[in-house]
PDB file of N, CA and C in Angstrom:
ATOM      1  N   GLN A   1      14.556 -10.715 -11.631  1.00  0.00           N
ATOM      2  CA  GLN A   1      12.850 -10.990 -11.470  1.00  0.00           C
ATOM      3  C   GLN A   1      12.254  -9.645 -10.709  1.00  0.00           C
ATOM      4  N   VAL A   2      11.297  -8.955 -11.140  1.00  0.00           N
ATOM      5  CA  VAL A   2      10.500  -8.041 -10.161  1.00  0.00           C
ATOM      6  C   VAL A   2       9.933  -8.905  -8.981  1.00  0.00           C
ATOM      7  N   GLN A   3      10.384  -8.237  -7.933  1.00  0.00           N
ATOM      8  CA  GLN A   3       9.106  -8.621  -6.999  1.00  0.00           C
ATOM      9  C   GLN A   3       8.515  -7.685  -5.999  1.00  0.00           C
ATOM     10  N   LEU A   4       7.346  -7.520  -5.425  1.00  0.00           N
ATOM     11  CA  LEU A   4       6.903  -6.706  -4.797  1.00  0.00           C
ATOM     12  C   LEU A   4       6.525  -7.566  -3.403  1.00  0.00           C
ATOM     13  N   VAL A   5       6.802  -7.302  -2.355  1.00  0.00           N
ATOM     14  CA  VAL A   5       6.479  -8.465  -1.346  1.00  0.00           C
ATOM     15  C   VAL A   5       6.086  -7.732   0.133  1.00  0.00           C
ATOM     16  N   GLU A   6       4.944  -7.460   0.277  1.00  0.00           N
ATOM     17  CA  GLU A   6       3.963  -6.655   1.219  1.00  0.00           C
ATOM     18  C   GLU A   6       4.405  -7.532   2.697  1.00  0.00           C
ATOM     19  N   SER A   7       4.509  -6.868   3.710  1.00  0.00           N
ATOM     20  CA  SER A   7       4.606  -7.475   4.991  1.00  0.00           C
ATOM     21  C   SER A   7       4.085  -6.341   6.175  1.00  0.00           C
ATOM     22  N   GLY A   8       3.623  -6.771   7.355  1.00  0.00           N
ATOM     23  CA  GLY A   8       3.080  -5.941   8.294  1.00  0.00           C
ATOM     24  C   GLY A   8       1.634  -6.217   8.837  1.00  0.00           C
ATOM     25  N   GLY A   9       0.743  -7.099   8.013  1.00  0.00           N
ATOM     26  CA  GLY A   9      -0.547  -7.091   7.966  1.00  0.00           C
ATOM     27  C   GLY A   9      -0.710  -7.691   9.358  1.00  0.00           C
ATOM     28  N   GLY A  10      -1.893  -8.382   9.802  1.00  0.00           N
ATOM     29  CA  GLY A  10      -2.048  -8.910  11.012  1.00  0.00           C
ATOM     30  C   GLY A  10      -3.748  -8.580  11.705  1.00  0.00           C
ATOM     31  N   LEU A  11      -3.835  -9.188  12.683  1.00  0.00           N
ATOM     32  CA  LEU A  11      -5.339  -8.966  13.484  1.00  0.00           C
ATOM     33  C   LEU A  11      -4.973  -7.571  14.521  1.00  0.00           C
ATOM     34  N   VAL A  12      -5.957  -6.882  14.216  1.00  0.00           N
ATOM     35  CA  VAL A  12      -5.997  -5.594  15.447  1.00  0.00           C
ATOM     36  C   VAL A  12      -7.467  -5.338  15.416  1.00  0.00           C
ATOM     37  N   GLN A  13      -7.212  -4.933  16.720  1.00  0.00           N
ATOM     38  CA  GLN A  13      -8.815  -4.217  17.491  1.00  0.00           C
ATOM     39  C   GLN A  13      -8.827  -2.887  16.779  1.00  0.00           C
ATOM     40  N   PRO A  14     -10.286  -2.695  16.705  1.00  0.00           N
ATOM     41  CA  PRO A  14     -10.488  -1.291  16.168  1.00  0.00           C
ATOM     42  C   PRO A  14     -10.172  -0.259  16.987  1.00  0.00           C
ATOM     43  N   GLY A  15      -9.767   0.707  16.084  1.00  0.00           N
ATOM     44  CA  GLY A  15      -9.135   1.691  17.061  1.00  0.00           C
ATOM     45  C   GLY A  15      -7.670   1.569  16.890  1.00  0.00           C
ATOM     46  N   GLY A  16      -7.050   0.513  16.551  1.00  0.00           N
ATOM     47  CA  GLY A  16      -5.506   0.006  16.625  1.00  0.00           C
ATOM     48  C   GLY A  16      -5.067   0.745  15.506  1.00  0.00           C
ATOM     49  N   SER A  17      -3.625   0.322  15.297  1.00  0.00           N
ATOM     50  CA  SER A  17      -2.553   0.819  14.243  1.00  0.00           C
ATOM     51  C   SER A  17      -1.908  -0.297  13.497  1.00  0.00           C
ATOM     52  N   LEU A  18      -1.705  -0.171  12.294  1.00  0.00           N
ATOM     53  CA  LEU A  18      -0.497  -0.905  11.603  1.00  0.00           C
ATOM     54  C   LEU A  18       0.016  -0.311  10.671  1.00  0.00           C
ATOM     55  N   ARG A  19       1.254  -0.716  10.361  1.00  0.00           N
ATOM     56  CA  ARG A  19       2.337  -0.344   9.553  1.00  0.00           C
ATOM     57  C   ARG A  19       2.514  -1.361   8.310  1.00  0.00           C
ATOM     58  N   LEU A  20       2.412  -1.165   7.287  1.00  0.00           N
ATOM     59  CA  LEU A  20       2.358  -1.995   6.375  1.00  0.00           C
ATOM     60  C   LEU A  20       3.610  -1.976   5.414  1.00  0.00           C
ATOM     61  N   SER A  21       4.504  -2.616   5.123  1.00  0.00           N
ATOM     62  CA  SER A  21       5.485  -2.530   4.013  1.00  0.00           C
ATOM     63  C   SER A  21       5.741  -3.209   2.716  1.00  0.00           C
ATOM     64  N   CYS A  22       6.219  -2.696   1.709  1.00  0.00           N
ATOM     65  CA  CYS A  22       6.408  -3.191   0.493  1.00  0.00           C
ATOM     66  C   CYS A  22       7.873  -3.332   0.057  1.00  0.00           C
ATOM     67  N   ALA A  23       8.454  -4.435   0.228  1.00  0.00           N
ATOM     68  CA  ALA A  23      10.012  -4.227  -0.524  1.00  0.00           C
ATOM     69  C   ALA A  23       9.896  -4.619  -1.853  1.00  0.00           C
ATOM     70  N   ALA A  24      10.530  -3.789  -2.790  1.00  0.00           N
ATOM     71  CA  ALA A  24      10.629  -3.950  -4.186  1.00  0.00           C
ATOM     72  C   ALA A  24      11.831  -4.495  -4.678  1.00  0.00           C
ATOM     73  N   SER A  25      12.152  -4.956  -5.584  1.00  0.00           N
ATOM     74  CA  SER A  25      13.423  -5.358  -6.248  1.00  0.00           C
ATOM     75  C   SER A  25      13.218  -5.569  -7.702  1.00  0.00           C
ATOM     76  N   GLY A  26      14.179  -6.036  -8.443  1.00  0.00           N
ATOM     77  CA  GLY A  26      14.054  -6.317  -9.985  1.00  0.00           C
ATOM     78  C   GLY A  26      13.900  -4.915 -10.598  1.00  0.00           C
ATOM     79  N   PHE A  27      13.668  -3.673 -10.193  1.00  0.00           N
ATOM     80  CA  PHE A  27      13.483  -2.533 -11.015  1.00  0.00           C
ATOM     81  C   PHE A  27      14.010  -1.363 -10.439  1.00  0.00           C
ATOM     82  N   THR A  28      14.098  -0.243 -11.409  1.00  0.00           N
ATOM     83  CA  THR A  28      14.485   1.094 -10.898  1.00  0.00           C
ATOM     84  C   THR A  28      13.541   1.779  -9.815  1.00  0.00           C
ATOM     85  N   PHE A  29      13.488   1.469  -8.714  1.00  0.00           N
ATOM     86  CA  PHE A  29      12.542   1.832  -7.409  1.00  0.00           C
ATOM     87  C   PHE A  29      12.006   3.371  -7.683  1.00  0.00           C
ATOM     88  N   ARG A  30      13.117   4.151  -7.722  1.00  0.00           N
ATOM     89  CA  ARG A  30      12.779   5.626  -7.518  1.00  0.00           C
ATOM     90  C   ARG A  30      12.188   6.353  -8.719  1.00  0.00           C
ATOM     91  N   SER A  31      12.031   5.456  -9.998  1.00  0.00           N
ATOM     92  CA  SER A  31      11.432   5.818 -11.275  1.00  0.00           C
ATOM     93  C   SER A  31      10.001   5.328 -11.202  1.00  0.00           C
ATOM     94  N   TYR A  32       9.593   4.791 -10.331  1.00  0.00           N
ATOM     95  CA  TYR A  32       7.983   4.157 -10.237  1.00  0.00           C
ATOM     96  C   TYR A  32       7.217   4.929  -9.323  1.00  0.00           C
ATOM     97  N   VAL A  33       5.791   5.316  -9.737  1.00  0.00           N
ATOM     98  CA  VAL A  33       4.734   5.784  -8.648  1.00  0.00           C
ATOM     99  C   VAL A  33       4.499   4.492  -7.790  1.00  0.00           C
ATOM    100  N   MET A  34       4.405   4.384  -6.828  1.00  0.00           N
ATOM    101  CA  MET A  34       3.851   3.199  -6.002  1.00  0.00           C
ATOM    102  C   MET A  34       2.613   3.773  -5.296  1.00  0.00           C
ATOM    103  N   SER A  35       1.634   2.494  -5.099  1.00  0.00           N
ATOM    104  CA  SER A  35       0.414   2.539  -4.671  1.00  0.00           C
ATOM    105  C   SER A  35      -0.024   1.464  -3.854  1.00  0.00           C
ATOM    106  N   TRP A  36      -0.906   1.830  -3.094  1.00  0.00           N
ATOM    107  CA  TRP A  36      -1.371   0.894  -2.154  1.00  0.00           C
ATOM    108  C   TRP A  36      -2.956   0.493  -2.487  1.00  0.00           C
ATOM    109  N   TYR A  37      -3.553  -0.848  -2.735  1.00  0.00           N
ATOM    110  CA  TYR A  37      -4.931  -1.241  -3.032  1.00  0.00           C
ATOM    111  C   TYR A  37      -5.448  -2.131  -1.707  1.00  0.00           C
ATOM    112  N   ARG A  38      -6.592  -2.264  -1.420  1.00  0.00           N
ATOM    113  CA  ARG A  38      -7.176  -3.142  -0.791  1.00  0.00           C
ATOM    114  C   ARG A  38      -8.153  -3.853  -1.369  1.00  0.00           C
ATOM    115  N   GLN A  39      -8.692  -5.324  -0.955  1.00  0.00           N
ATOM    116  CA  GLN A  39      -9.613  -5.991  -1.721  1.00  0.00           C
ATOM    117  C   GLN A  39     -10.576  -6.729  -0.115  1.00  0.00           C
ATOM    118  N   ALA A  40     -11.606  -6.364   0.086  1.00  0.00           N
ATOM    119  CA  ALA A  40     -12.222  -6.944   0.963  1.00  0.00           C
ATOM    120  C   ALA A  40     -13.088  -7.973   0.563  1.00  0.00           C
ATOM    121  N   PRO A  41     -13.522  -8.946   1.422  1.00  0.00           N
ATOM    122  CA  PRO A  41     -14.046 -10.306   0.921  1.00  0.00           C
ATOM    123  C   PRO A  41     -15.397  -9.940   0.324  1.00  0.00           C
ATOM    124  N   GLY A  42     -15.311 -10.503  -0.909  1.00  0.00           N
ATOM    125  CA  GLY A  42     -16.581 -10.255  -1.876  1.00  0.00           C
ATOM    126  C   GLY A  42     -16.824  -9.085  -2.524  1.00  0.00           C
ATOM    127  N   LYS A  43     -15.700  -8.195  -2.406  1.00  0.00           N
ATOM    128  CA  LYS A  43     -15.711  -6.938  -3.016  1.00  0.00           C
ATOM    129  C   LYS A  43     -14.386  -6.862  -4.048  1.00  0.00           C
ATOM    130  N   GLU A  44     -14.935  -5.607  -4.849  1.00  0.00           N
ATOM    131  CA  GLU A  44     -13.563  -5.369  -5.807  1.00  0.00           C
ATOM    132  C   GLU A  44     -12.475  -4.558  -5.453  1.00  0.00           C
ATOM    133  N   ARG A  45     -11.310  -4.838  -5.610  1.00  0.00           N
ATOM    134  CA  ARG A  45     -10.196  -3.940  -5.376  1.00  0.00           C
ATOM    135  C   ARG A  45     -10.218  -2.650  -5.475  1.00  0.00           C
ATOM    136  N   GLU A  46      -9.973  -1.737  -4.543  1.00  0.00           N
ATOM    137  CA  GLU A  46     -10.219  -0.411  -4.710  1.00  0.00           C
ATOM    138  C   GLU A  46      -8.812   0.193  -3.947  1.00  0.00           C
ATOM    139  N   TRP A  47      -8.522   1.570  -4.803  1.00  0.00           N
ATOM    140  CA  TRP A  47      -7.464   2.291  -4.407  1.00  0.00           C
ATOM    141  C   TRP A  47      -7.607   2.821  -3.126  1.00  0.00           C
ATOM    142  N   VAL A  48      -6.207   2.831  -2.529  1.00  0.00           N
ATOM    143  CA  VAL A  48      -6.301   3.632  -0.924  1.00  0.00           C
ATOM    144  C   VAL A  48      -5.390   4.597  -1.021  1.00  0.00           C
ATOM    145  N   ALA A  49      -3.854   4.693  -1.735  1.00  0.00           N
ATOM    146  CA  ALA A  49      -2.901   5.595  -1.579  1.00  0.00           C
ATOM    147  C   ALA A  49      -2.070   5.695  -2.600  1.00  0.00           C
ATOM    148  N   VAL A  50      -1.703   6.668  -2.900  1.00  0.00           N
ATOM    149  CA  VAL A  50      -0.576   6.577  -4.001  1.00  0.00           C
ATOM    150  C   VAL A  50       0.586   8.036  -3.594  1.00  0.00           C
ATOM    151  N   ILE A  51       1.846   7.243  -3.950  1.00  0.00           N
ATOM    152  CA  ILE A  51       2.987   8.599  -3.692  1.00  0.00           C
ATOM    153  C   ILE A  51       3.610   8.641  -5.119  1.00  0.00           C
ATOM    154  N   SER A  52       4.135   9.819  -5.591  1.00  0.00           N
ATOM    155  CA  SER A  52       4.999   9.967  -6.862  1.00  0.00           C
ATOM    156  C   SER A  52       6.412   9.598  -6.694  1.00  0.00           C
ATOM    157  N   THR A  53       7.092   9.883  -7.718  1.00  0.00           N
ATOM    158  CA  THR A  53       8.377  10.040  -7.771  1.00  0.00           C
ATOM    159  C   THR A  53       9.087  11.044  -7.010  1.00  0.00           C
ATOM    160  N   GLY A  54       8.357  11.902  -6.760  1.00  0.00           N
ATOM    161  CA  GLY A  54       8.884  13.193  -6.317  1.00  0.00           C
ATOM    162  C   GLY A  54       8.125  13.171  -4.751  1.00  0.00           C
ATOM    163  N   ASP A  55       7.683  12.333  -4.337  1.00  0.00           N
ATOM    164  CA  ASP A  55       7.002  12.301  -2.948  1.00  0.00           C
ATOM    165  C   ASP A  55       5.629  13.075  -2.573  1.00  0.00           C
ATOM    166  N   ASN A  56       4.973  13.609  -3.744  1.00  0.00           N
ATOM    167  CA  ASN A  56       3.463  14.084  -3.653  1.00  0.00           C
ATOM    168  C   ASN A  56       2.669  12.847  -3.209  1.00  0.00           C
ATOM    169  N   THR A  57       1.692  13.120  -2.575  1.00  0.00           N
ATOM    170  CA  THR A  57       0.744  11.750  -1.920  1.00  0.00           C
ATOM    171  C   THR A  57      -0.776  12.267  -2.343  1.00  0.00           C
ATOM    172  N   ASN A  58      -1.648  11.452  -2.551  1.00  0.00           N
ATOM    173  CA  ASN A  58      -2.831  11.645  -2.605  1.00  0.00           C
ATOM    174  C   ASN A  58      -3.677  10.276  -1.893  1.00  0.00           C
ATOM    175  N   TYR A  59      -4.861  10.254  -1.409  1.00  0.00           N
ATOM    176  CA  TYR A  59      -5.597   9.602  -0.777  1.00  0.00           C
ATOM    177  C   TYR A  59      -7.017   9.062  -1.335  1.00  0.00           C
ATOM    178  N   ALA A  60      -7.359   8.086  -0.776  1.00  0.00           N
ATOM    179  CA  ALA A  60      -8.950   8.051  -1.338  1.00  0.00           C
ATOM    180  C   ALA A  60      -9.509   8.394   0.112  1.00  0.00           C
ATOM    181  N   ASP A  61     -10.926   9.044  -0.350  1.00  0.00           N
ATOM    182  CA  ASP A  61     -11.711  10.110   0.822  1.00  0.00           C
ATOM    183  C   ASP A  61     -11.781   9.113   2.027  1.00  0.00           C
ATOM    184  N   TYR A  62     -12.372   7.731   2.043  1.00  0.00           N
ATOM    185  CA  TYR A  62     -12.256   7.064   3.223  1.00  0.00           C
ATOM    186  C   TYR A  62     -11.370   6.837   3.905  1.00  0.00           C
ATOM    187  N   VAL A  63     -10.223   7.236   3.687  1.00  0.00           N
ATOM    188  CA  VAL A  63      -9.162   6.869   4.473  1.00  0.00           C
ATOM    189  C   VAL A  63      -8.263   7.976   4.932  1.00  0.00           C
ATOM    190  N   LYS A  64      -8.559   9.312   3.845  1.00  0.00           N
ATOM    191  CA  LYS A  64      -8.010  10.368   4.535  1.00  0.00           C
ATOM    192  C   LYS A  64      -8.218  11.055   5.913  1.00  0.00           C
ATOM    193  N   GLY A  65      -7.067  11.385   6.544  1.00  0.00           N
ATOM    194  CA  GLY A  65      -6.546  11.591   7.766  1.00  0.00           C
ATOM    195  C   GLY A  65      -6.460  10.490   8.820  1.00  0.00           C
ATOM    196  N   ARG A  66      -6.598   9.241   8.390  1.00  0.00           N
ATOM    197  CA  ARG A  66      -6.189   7.899   9.025  1.00  0.00           C
ATOM    198  C   ARG A  66      -4.693   6.944   8.327  1.00  0.00           C
ATOM    199  N   VAL A  67      -4.409   7.357   7.211  1.00  0.00           N
ATOM    200  CA  VAL A  67      -3.428   6.653   6.640  1.00  0.00           C
ATOM    201  C   VAL A  67      -2.343   7.568   6.110  1.00  0.00           C
ATOM    202  N   THR A  68      -1.203   7.056   6.060  1.00  0.00           N
ATOM    203  CA  THR A  68       0.121   7.945   5.643  1.00  0.00           C
ATOM    204  C   THR A  68       0.795   7.125   4.663  1.00  0.00           C
ATOM    205  N   ILE A  69       0.924   7.515   3.387  1.00  0.00           N
ATOM    206  CA  ILE A  69       1.881   6.640   2.574  1.00  0.00           C
ATOM    207  C   ILE A  69       3.165   7.259   2.386  1.00  0.00           C
ATOM    208  N   SER A  70       4.094   6.607   2.678  1.00  0.00           N
ATOM    209  CA  SER A  70       5.452   7.113   2.401  1.00  0.00           C
ATOM    210  C   SER A  70       6.419   6.218   1.719  1.00  0.00           C
ATOM    211  N   ARG A  71       7.453   6.638   1.354  1.00  0.00           N
ATOM    212  CA  ARG A  71       8.548   5.901   0.593  1.00  0.00           C
ATOM    213  C   ARG A  71      10.012   6.200   1.019  1.00  0.00           C
ATOM    214  N   ASP A  72      10.860   5.331   1.004  1.00  0.00           N
ATOM    215  CA  ASP A  72      12.373   5.362   1.356  1.00  0.00           C
ATOM    216  C   ASP A  72      12.962   4.695   0.168  1.00  0.00           C
ATOM    217  N   ASN A  73      13.521   5.522  -0.832  1.00  0.00           N
ATOM    218  CA  ASN A  73      14.268   4.906  -2.300  1.00  0.00           C
ATOM    219  C   ASN A  73      15.429   4.341  -1.975  1.00  0.00           C
ATOM    220  N   ALA A  74      16.191   4.703  -0.613  1.00  0.00           N
ATOM    221  CA  ALA A  74      17.463   4.036  -0.201  1.00  0.00           C
ATOM    222  C   ALA A  74      17.163   2.437   0.086  1.00  0.00           C
ATOM    223  N   LYS A  75      16.096   2.081   0.529  1.00  0.00           N
ATOM    224  CA  LYS A  75      15.682   0.836   0.898  1.00  0.00           C
ATOM    225  C   LYS A  75      14.714   0.112   0.180  1.00  0.00           C
ATOM    226  N   ASN A  76      14.278   0.936  -1.170  1.00  0.00           N
ATOM    227  CA  ASN A  76      13.461   0.334  -2.380  1.00  0.00           C
ATOM    228  C   ASN A  76      12.103   0.031  -1.630  1.00  0.00           C
ATOM    229  N   THR A  77      11.559   0.595  -0.503  1.00  0.00           N
ATOM    230  CA  THR A  77      10.354   0.206   0.443  1.00  0.00           C
ATOM    231  C   THR A  77       9.207   1.377   0.282  1.00  0.00           C
ATOM    232  N   VAL A  78       8.061   1.043   0.121  1.00  0.00           N
ATOM    233  CA  VAL A  78       7.077   1.884   0.508  1.00  0.00           C
ATOM    234  C   VAL A  78       6.131   1.479   1.612  1.00  0.00           C
ATOM    235  N   TYR A  79       5.652   2.281   2.350  1.00  0.00           N
ATOM    236  CA  TYR A  79       5.081   2.200   3.431  1.00  0.00           C
ATOM    237  C   TYR A  79       3.640   2.756   3.412  1.00  0.00           C
ATOM    238  N   LEU A  80       2.653   2.253   4.558  1.00  0.00           N
ATOM    239  CA  LEU A  80       1.350   2.654   4.541  1.00  0.00           C
ATOM    240  C   LEU A  80       1.081   2.529   5.914  1.00  0.00           C
ATOM    241  N   GLN A  81       1.189   3.595   6.875  1.00  0.00           N
ATOM    242  CA  GLN A  81       0.928   3.801   8.372  1.00  0.00           C
ATOM    243  C   GLN A  81      -0.577   3.847   8.418  1.00  0.00           C
ATOM    244  N   MET A  82      -1.428   3.116   9.075  1.00  0.00           N
ATOM    245  CA  MET A  82      -2.918   2.959   9.210  1.00  0.00           C
ATOM    246  C   MET A  82      -3.107   3.146  10.738  1.00  0.00           C
ATOM    247  N   ASN A  83      -3.831   4.242  10.951  1.00  0.00           N
ATOM    248  CA  ASN A  83      -4.281   4.293  12.305  1.00  0.00           C
ATOM    249  C   ASN A  83      -5.894   4.526  12.569  1.00  0.00           C
ATOM    250  N   ASN A  84      -6.258   4.477  13.824  1.00  0.00           N
ATOM    251  CA  ASN A  84      -7.607   4.648  13.856  1.00  0.00           C
ATOM    252  C   ASN A  84      -8.632   3.310  12.951  1.00  0.00           C
ATOM    253  N   LEU A  85      -7.858   1.803  13.005  1.00  0.00           N
ATOM    254  CA  LEU A  85      -8.615   1.097  12.245  1.00  0.00           C
ATOM    255  C   LEU A  85      -9.994   0.786  12.445  1.00  0.00           C
ATOM    256  N   LYS A  86     -10.808   0.321  11.660  1.00  0.00           N
ATOM    257  CA  LYS A  86     -12.221   0.152  11.615  1.00  0.00           C
ATOM    258  C   LYS A  86     -12.509  -1.436  11.115  1.00  0.00           C
ATOM    259  N   PRO A  87     -13.520  -1.962  11.322  1.00  0.00           N
ATOM    260  CA  PRO A  87     -13.758  -3.060  10.799  1.00  0.00           C
ATOM    261  C   PRO A  87     -14.033  -3.386   9.500  1.00  0.00           C
ATOM    262  N   GLU A  88     -14.395  -2.276   8.664  1.00  0.00           N
ATOM    263  CA  GLU A  88     -14.758  -1.952   7.328  1.00  0.00           C
ATOM    264  C   GLU A  88     -13.305  -2.040   6.581  1.00  0.00           C
ATOM    265  N   ASP A  89     -12.006  -1.615   7.103  1.00  0.00           N
ATOM    266  CA  ASP A  89     -10.627  -1.683   6.747  1.00  0.00           C
ATOM    267  C   ASP A  89      -9.992  -3.172   6.436  1.00  0.00           C
ATOM    268  N   THR A  90     -11.230  -4.157   7.005  1.00  0.00           N
ATOM    269  CA  THR A  90     -10.700  -5.648   6.980  1.00  0.00           C
ATOM    270  C   THR A  90     -10.588  -5.881   5.424  1.00  0.00           C
ATOM    271  N   GLY A  91      -9.493  -6.511   4.887  1.00  0.00           N
ATOM    272  CA  GLY A  91      -9.295  -6.949   3.322  1.00  0.00           C
ATOM    273  C   GLY A  91      -7.726  -7.446   3.384  1.00  0.00           C
ATOM    274  N   VAL A  92      -7.308  -7.840   1.869  1.00  0.00           N
ATOM    275  CA  VAL A  92      -5.797  -8.289   1.444  1.00  0.00           C
ATOM    276  C   VAL A  92      -5.359  -6.566   1.261  1.00  0.00           C
ATOM    277  N   TYR A  93      -4.325  -6.343   1.433  1.00  0.00           N
ATOM    278  CA  TYR A  93      -3.837  -4.787   1.100  1.00  0.00           C
ATOM    279  C   TYR A  93      -2.589  -5.245   0.173  1.00  0.00           C
ATOM    280  N   TYR A  94      -2.653  -4.949  -1.372  1.00  0.00           N
ATOM    281  CA  TYR A  94      -1.814  -5.177  -2.241  1.00  0.00           C
ATOM    282  C   TYR A  94      -0.821  -3.886  -2.470  1.00  0.00           C
ATOM    283  N   CYS A  95       0.702  -3.975  -2.936  1.00  0.00           N
ATOM    284  CA  CYS A  95       1.514  -2.668  -3.134  1.00  0.00           C
ATOM    285  C   CYS A  95       1.558  -2.916  -4.693  1.00  0.00           C
ATOM    286  N   SER A  96       1.623  -1.535  -5.515  1.00  0.00           N
ATOM    287  CA  SER A  96       1.828  -1.729  -6.838  1.00  0.00           C
ATOM    288  C   SER A  96       2.496  -0.371  -7.162  1.00  0.00           C
ATOM    289  N   ALA A  97       3.240  -0.811  -8.096  1.00  0.00           N
ATOM    290  CA  ALA A  97       4.406   0.033  -8.986  1.00  0.00           C
ATOM    291  C   ALA A  97       4.097   0.413 -10.489  1.00  0.00           C
ATOM    292  N   GLU A  98       4.011   1.548 -10.948  1.00  0.00           N
ATOM    293  CA  GLU A  98       3.851   1.806 -12.313  1.00  0.00           C
ATOM    294  C   GLU A  98       5.263   2.870 -12.615  1.00  0.00           C
ATOM    295  N   SER A  99       5.601   2.625 -13.722  1.00  0.00           N
ATOM    296  CA  SER A  99       7.051   3.206 -14.229  1.00  0.00           C
ATOM    297  C   SER A  99       6.481   4.606 -14.691  1.00  0.00           C
ATOM    298  N   ARG A 100       7.532   5.422 -14.574  1.00  0.00           N
ATOM    299  CA  ARG A 100       7.331   6.994 -15.104  1.00  0.00           C
ATOM    300  C   ARG A 100       8.591   7.200 -15.824  1.00  0.00           C
ATOM    301  N   PRO A 101       8.976   8.436 -16.596  1.00  0.00           N
ATOM    302  CA  PRO A 101       7.520   9.140 -17.386  1.00  0.00           C
ATOM    303  C   PRO A 101       6.767   8.315 -17.893  1.00  0.00           C
ATOM    304  N   LEU A 102       7.037   7.188 -18.670  1.00  0.00           N
ATOM    305  CA  LEU A 102       6.122   6.433 -19.616  1.00  0.00           C
ATOM    306  C   LEU A 102       5.411   5.382 -18.809  1.00  0.00           C
ATOM    307  N   ARG A 103       4.097   5.459 -18.708  1.00  0.00           N
ATOM    308  CA  ARG A 103       3.726   4.367 -17.867  1.00  0.00           C
ATOM    309  C   ARG A 103       3.342   3.334 -18.885  1.00  0.00           C
ATOM    310  N   THR A 104       4.435   2.669 -19.025  1.00  0.00           N
ATOM    311  CA  THR A 104       4.401   1.216 -19.767  1.00  0.00           C
ATOM    312  C   THR A 104       4.405  -0.025 -19.258  1.00  0.00           C
ATOM    313  N   ARG A 105       4.765  -0.119 -17.657  1.00  0.00           N
ATOM    314  CA  ARG A 105       5.067  -1.194 -16.705  1.00  0.00           C
ATOM    315  C   ARG A 105       4.062  -0.955 -15.526  1.00  0.00           C
ATOM    316  N   ARG A 106       3.958  -2.028 -14.925  1.00  0.00           N
ATOM    317  CA  ARG A 106       2.822  -1.952 -13.966  1.00  0.00           C
ATOM    318  C   ARG A 106       3.235  -3.253 -13.381  1.00  0.00           C
ATOM    319  N   TYR A 107       3.521  -3.593 -11.778  1.00  0.00           N
ATOM    320  CA  TYR A 107       3.826  -4.570 -10.999  1.00  0.00           C
ATOM    321  C   TYR A 107       2.644  -4.854 -10.035  1.00  0.00           C
ATOM    322  N   TRP A 108       2.325  -5.949  -9.394  1.00  0.00           N
ATOM    323  CA  TRP A 108       1.711  -6.051  -8.380  1.00  0.00           C
ATOM    324  C   TRP A 108       2.238  -7.061  -7.497  1.00  0.00           C
ATOM    325  N   GLY A 109       2.246  -6.781  -6.112  1.00  0.00           N
ATOM    326  CA  GLY A 109       2.406  -7.783  -5.080  1.00  0.00           C
ATOM    327  C   GLY A 109       1.438  -8.775  -4.749  1.00  0.00           C
ATOM    328  N   GLN A 110       1.610  -9.730  -4.007  1.00  0.00           N
ATOM    329  CA  GLN A 110       0.833 -10.995  -3.884  1.00  0.00           C
ATOM    330  C   GLN A 110      -0.207 -10.483  -2.270  1.00  0.00           C
ATOM    331  N   GLY A 111       0.193  -9.322  -1.981  1.00  0.00           N
ATOM    332  CA  GLY A 111      -0.982  -9.053  -0.657  1.00  0.00           C
ATOM    333  C   GLY A 111      -0.386  -9.539   0.890  1.00  0.00           C
ATOM    334  N   THR A 112      -1.161  -8.642   1.725  1.00  0.00           N
ATOM    335  CA  THR A 112      -1.116  -9.084   2.763  1.00  0.00           C
ATOM    336  C   THR A 112      -2.225  -8.555   4.003  1.00  0.00           C
ATOM    337  N   GLN A 113      -2.678  -9.700   4.516  1.00  0.00           N
ATOM    338  CA  GLN A 113      -3.983  -9.471   5.088  1.00  0.00           C
ATOM    339  C   GLN A 113      -4.119  -8.648   6.459  1.00  0.00           C
ATOM    340  N   VAL A 114      -4.995  -8.050   6.463  1.00  0.00           N
ATOM    341  CA  VAL A 114      -5.506  -6.909   7.389  1.00  0.00           C
ATOM    342  C   VAL A 114      -6.486  -7.467   7.984  1.00  0.00           C
ATOM    343  N   THR A 115      -6.636  -7.966   9.254  1.00  0.00           N
ATOM    344  CA  THR A 115      -7.883  -7.794  10.005  1.00  0.00           C
ATOM    345  C   THR A 115      -8.090  -7.221  11.538  1.00  0.00           C
ATOM    346  N   VAL A 116      -9.526  -6.528  11.025  1.00  0.00           N
ATOM    347  CA  VAL A 116      -9.940  -5.457  11.980  1.00  0.00           C
ATOM    348  C   VAL A 116     -11.203  -5.962  12.926  1.00  0.00           C
ATOM    349  N   SER A 117     -10.955  -6.444  14.077  1.00  0.00           N
ATOM    350  CA  SER A 117     -11.914  -7.146  14.895  1.00  0.00           C
ATOM    351  C   SER A 117     -11.653  -7.027  16.251  1.00  0.00           C
ATOM    352  N   SER A 118     -13.116  -6.983  16.810  1.00  0.00           N
ATOM    353  CA  SER A 118     -12.779  -7.250  18.465  1.00  0.00           C
ATOM    354  C   SER A 118     -12.761  -8.653  18.855  1.00  0.00           C
TER     355      SER A 118
END
């Protein structure tokens, strides 16, 4: 069975840091592009970051300089390091996988809650 399990969320103060993890199983992890998305209360899900099968990365403009996406193919895990967190970063963070070279398969995790509040 395909599984994407996010962890590492929690309550942090503004300016704090969190490292999210997404553990993957049930598919060939190294052949998938991995992404992070987030959804704030009452808003649509939005893209945060992506890492390719060749470790190239891209970020949404509103998080550039504050977050870093990385992957460990030996552990079938993708990470999102988040620094200098702001209240507007609050939301549920989701991990996503998309197959390559053919973009025929797409998987989503259940999400992990991140709350930034003083």
